[in-house]
Amino acid sequence: MDAELQFDDRFVLSDRTFAQVKVWRVPIAVRGSSHGLKYSFALVVDSECVLRYDNEAGKGDHRHTNGIETPLEFDNLTGLLADFWKEVDEWVRRNGL
């Protein structure tokens, strides 16, 4: 069984900014993760990804910001999405977008 796309949504936040949220259900956990989801959440400003949450194979659950990769705690998808949107809101507020 292949990965099954659960959702792929783009949220336009301004003429310069959007967030992309993709989630797949996978039959076997991605190497480094302990759950059955593959995901990629990105905040893109002026065609540059400034914040990304993902679980690339071998790296597990992590985030990228300011060129730095840090681990993420994955309890559930709802909590992870809430954390992402909180960071998006903070980034937009700090940068006046």
C-alpha atoms as a PDB file:
ATOM      1  CA  MET A   1       0.000   0.000   0.000  1.00  0.00           C
ATOM      2  CA  ASP A   2       1.284   3.429  -0.956  1.00  0.00           C
ATOM      3  CA  ALA A   3       1.080   6.682   0.976  1.00  0.00           C
ATOM      4  CA  GLU A   4      -2.434   8.125   0.969  1.00  0.00           C
ATOM      5  CA  LEU A   5      -2.718  11.904   0.728  1.00  0.00           C
ATOM      6  CA  GLN A   6      -4.890  13.189   3.581  1.00  0.00           C
ATOM      7  CA  PHE A   7      -4.728  16.857   2.685  1.00  0.00           C
ATOM      8  CA  ASP A   8      -2.758  19.348   0.648  1.00  0.00           C
ATOM      9  CA  ASP A   9      -3.882  22.884   1.376  1.00  0.00           C
ATOM     10  CA  ARG A  10      -2.429  26.283   0.553  1.00  0.00           C
ATOM     11  CA  PHE A  11      -3.380  29.248   2.718  1.00  0.00           C
ATOM     12  CA  VAL A  12      -2.687  32.653   1.174  1.00  0.00           C
ATOM     13  CA  LEU A  13      -1.765  35.044   3.990  1.00  0.00           C
ATOM     14  CA  SER A  14      -0.821  38.066   1.855  1.00  0.00           C
ATOM     15  CA  ASP A  15       0.314  38.841  -1.673  1.00  0.00           C
ATOM     16  CA  ARG A  16       3.845  37.851  -0.553  1.00  0.00           C
ATOM     17  CA  THR A  17       3.112  35.044   1.900  1.00  0.00           C
ATOM     18  CA  PHE A  18       1.446  31.636   1.995  1.00  0.00           C
ATOM     19  CA  ALA A  19       1.454  28.493   4.106  1.00  0.00           C
ATOM     20  CA  GLN A  20       1.376  25.016   2.546  1.00  0.00           C
ATOM     21  CA  VAL A  21       0.194  22.067   4.652  1.00  0.00           C
ATOM     22  CA  LYS A  22       0.542  18.498   3.329  1.00  0.00           C
ATOM     23  CA  VAL A  23      -0.130  15.264   5.185  1.00  0.00           C
ATOM     24  CA  TRP A  24      -0.018  11.658   3.982  1.00  0.00           C
ATOM     25  CA  ARG A  25      -0.993   8.489   5.850  1.00  0.00           C
ATOM     26  CA  VAL A  26       1.759   5.904   5.378  1.00  0.00           C
ATOM     27  CA  PRO A  27       1.513   2.152   5.932  1.00  0.00           C
ATOM     28  CA  ILE A  28       4.872   2.072   7.746  1.00  0.00           C
ATOM     29  CA  ALA A  29       6.231   4.922   9.895  1.00  0.00           C
ATOM     30  CA  VAL A  30       8.798   7.112   8.148  1.00  0.00           C
ATOM     31  CA  ARG A  31      12.264   6.115   9.366  1.00  0.00           C
ATOM     32  CA  GLY A  32      12.990   8.239  12.460  1.00  0.00           C
ATOM     33  CA  SER A  33       9.308   8.801  13.313  1.00  0.00           C
ATOM     34  CA  SER A  34       7.037   6.642  15.448  1.00  0.00           C
ATOM     35  CA  HIS A  35       3.667   7.405  13.803  1.00  0.00           C
ATOM     36  CA  GLY A  36       1.914   6.615  10.534  1.00  0.00           C
ATOM     37  CA  LEU A  37       2.043  10.089   8.998  1.00  0.00           C
ATOM     38  CA  LYS A  38       4.363  11.855   6.576  1.00  0.00           C
ATOM     39  CA  TYR A  39       3.976  15.632   6.625  1.00  0.00           C
ATOM     40  CA  SER A  40       5.370  18.910   5.379  1.00  0.00           C
ATOM     41  CA  PHE A  41       4.160  22.292   6.646  1.00  0.00           C
ATOM     42  CA  ALA A  42       5.828  25.372   5.157  1.00  0.00           C
ATOM     43  CA  LEU A  43       5.625  29.137   5.526  1.00  0.00           C
ATOM     44  CA  VAL A  44       6.801  30.812   2.314  1.00  0.00           C
ATOM     45  CA  VAL A  45       7.549  34.543   2.031  1.00  0.00           C
ATOM     46  CA  ASP A  46       8.685  36.116  -1.237  1.00  0.00           C
ATOM     47  CA  SER A  47       9.268  32.612  -2.687  1.00  0.00           C
ATOM     48  CA  GLU A  48      11.549  31.636   0.227  1.00  0.00           C
ATOM     49  CA  CYS A  49      10.642  28.994   2.800  1.00  0.00           C
ATOM     50  CA  VAL A  50      11.202  30.685   6.166  1.00  0.00           C
ATOM     51  CA  LEU A  51       9.681  27.971   8.398  1.00  0.00           C
ATOM     52  CA  ARG A  52       9.136  24.276   7.745  1.00  0.00           C
ATOM     53  CA  TYR A  53       7.970  21.328   9.835  1.00  0.00           C
ATOM     54  CA  ASP A  54       8.551  17.876   8.328  1.00  0.00           C
ATOM     55  CA  ASN A  55       9.619  14.339   9.007  1.00  0.00           C
ATOM     56  CA  GLU A  56      12.109  13.527   6.312  1.00  0.00           C
ATOM     57  CA  ALA A  57      13.171   9.871   6.339  1.00  0.00           C
ATOM     58  CA  GLY A  58      16.015   9.288   8.783  1.00  0.00           C
ATOM     59  CA  LYS A  59      15.669  12.678  10.480  1.00  0.00           C
ATOM     60  CA  GLY A  60      12.376  12.130  12.277  1.00  0.00           C
ATOM     61  CA  ASP A  61      10.078  14.975  13.302  1.00  0.00           C
ATOM     62  CA  HIS A  62      11.870  18.326  13.027  1.00  0.00           C
ATOM     63  CA  ARG A  63      11.569  21.971  12.032  1.00  0.00           C
ATOM     64  CA  HIS A  64      13.683  24.318   9.956  1.00  0.00           C
ATOM     65  CA  THR A  65      13.942  28.006  10.749  1.00  0.00           C
ATOM     66  CA  ASN A  66      16.712  30.537  10.094  1.00  0.00           C
ATOM     67  CA  GLY A  67      18.829  27.778   8.543  1.00  0.00           C
ATOM     68  CA  ILE A  68      18.700  25.727  11.747  1.00  0.00           C
ATOM     69  CA  GLU A  69      17.114  22.295  12.100  1.00  0.00           C
ATOM     70  CA  THR A  70      15.712  21.320  15.512  1.00  0.00           C
ATOM     71  CA  PRO A  71      13.752  18.257  16.680  1.00  0.00           C
ATOM     72  CA  LEU A  72       9.991  18.394  17.229  1.00  0.00           C
ATOM     73  CA  GLU A  73       7.850  16.472  19.680  1.00  0.00           C
ATOM     74  CA  PHE A  74       5.023  14.707  17.873  1.00  0.00           C
ATOM     75  CA  ASP A  75       2.131  13.835  20.187  1.00  0.00           C
ATOM     76  CA  ASN A  76      -0.600  14.094  17.567  1.00  0.00           C
ATOM     77  CA  LEU A  77      -1.368  15.866  14.310  1.00  0.00           C
ATOM     78  CA  THR A  78      -3.725  18.388  15.900  1.00  0.00           C
ATOM     79  CA  GLY A  79      -1.066  19.532  18.367  1.00  0.00           C
ATOM     80  CA  LEU A  80       1.628  19.726  15.690  1.00  0.00           C
ATOM     81  CA  LEU A  81      -0.596  21.837  13.446  1.00  0.00           C
ATOM     82  CA  ALA A  82      -1.423  24.130  16.386  1.00  0.00           C
ATOM     83  CA  ASP A  83       2.300  24.594  17.074  1.00  0.00           C
ATOM     84  CA  PHE A  84       2.971  25.352  13.401  1.00  0.00           C
ATOM     85  CA  TRP A  85       0.175  27.930  13.141  1.00  0.00           C
ATOM     86  CA  LYS A  86       1.313  29.566  16.372  1.00  0.00           C
ATOM     87  CA  GLU A  87       4.804  29.987  14.897  1.00  0.00           C
ATOM     88  CA  VAL A  88       3.326  31.282  11.624  1.00  0.00           C
ATOM     89  CA  ASP A  89       1.306  33.895  13.537  1.00  0.00           C
ATOM     90  CA  GLU A  90       4.385  34.943  15.526  1.00  0.00           C
ATOM     91  CA  TRP A  91       6.534  35.173  12.382  1.00  0.00           C
ATOM     92  CA  VAL A  92       3.937  37.239  10.530  1.00  0.00           C
ATOM     93  CA  ARG A  93       3.491  39.570  13.511  1.00  0.00           C
ATOM     94  CA  ARG A  94       7.259  40.022  14.051  1.00  0.00           C
ATOM     95  CA  ASN A  95       7.827  40.774  10.379  1.00  0.00           C
ATOM     96  CA  GLY A  96       4.815  43.021   9.848  1.00  0.00           C
ATOM     97  CA  LEU A  97       3.245  40.971   7.076  1.00  0.00           C
END
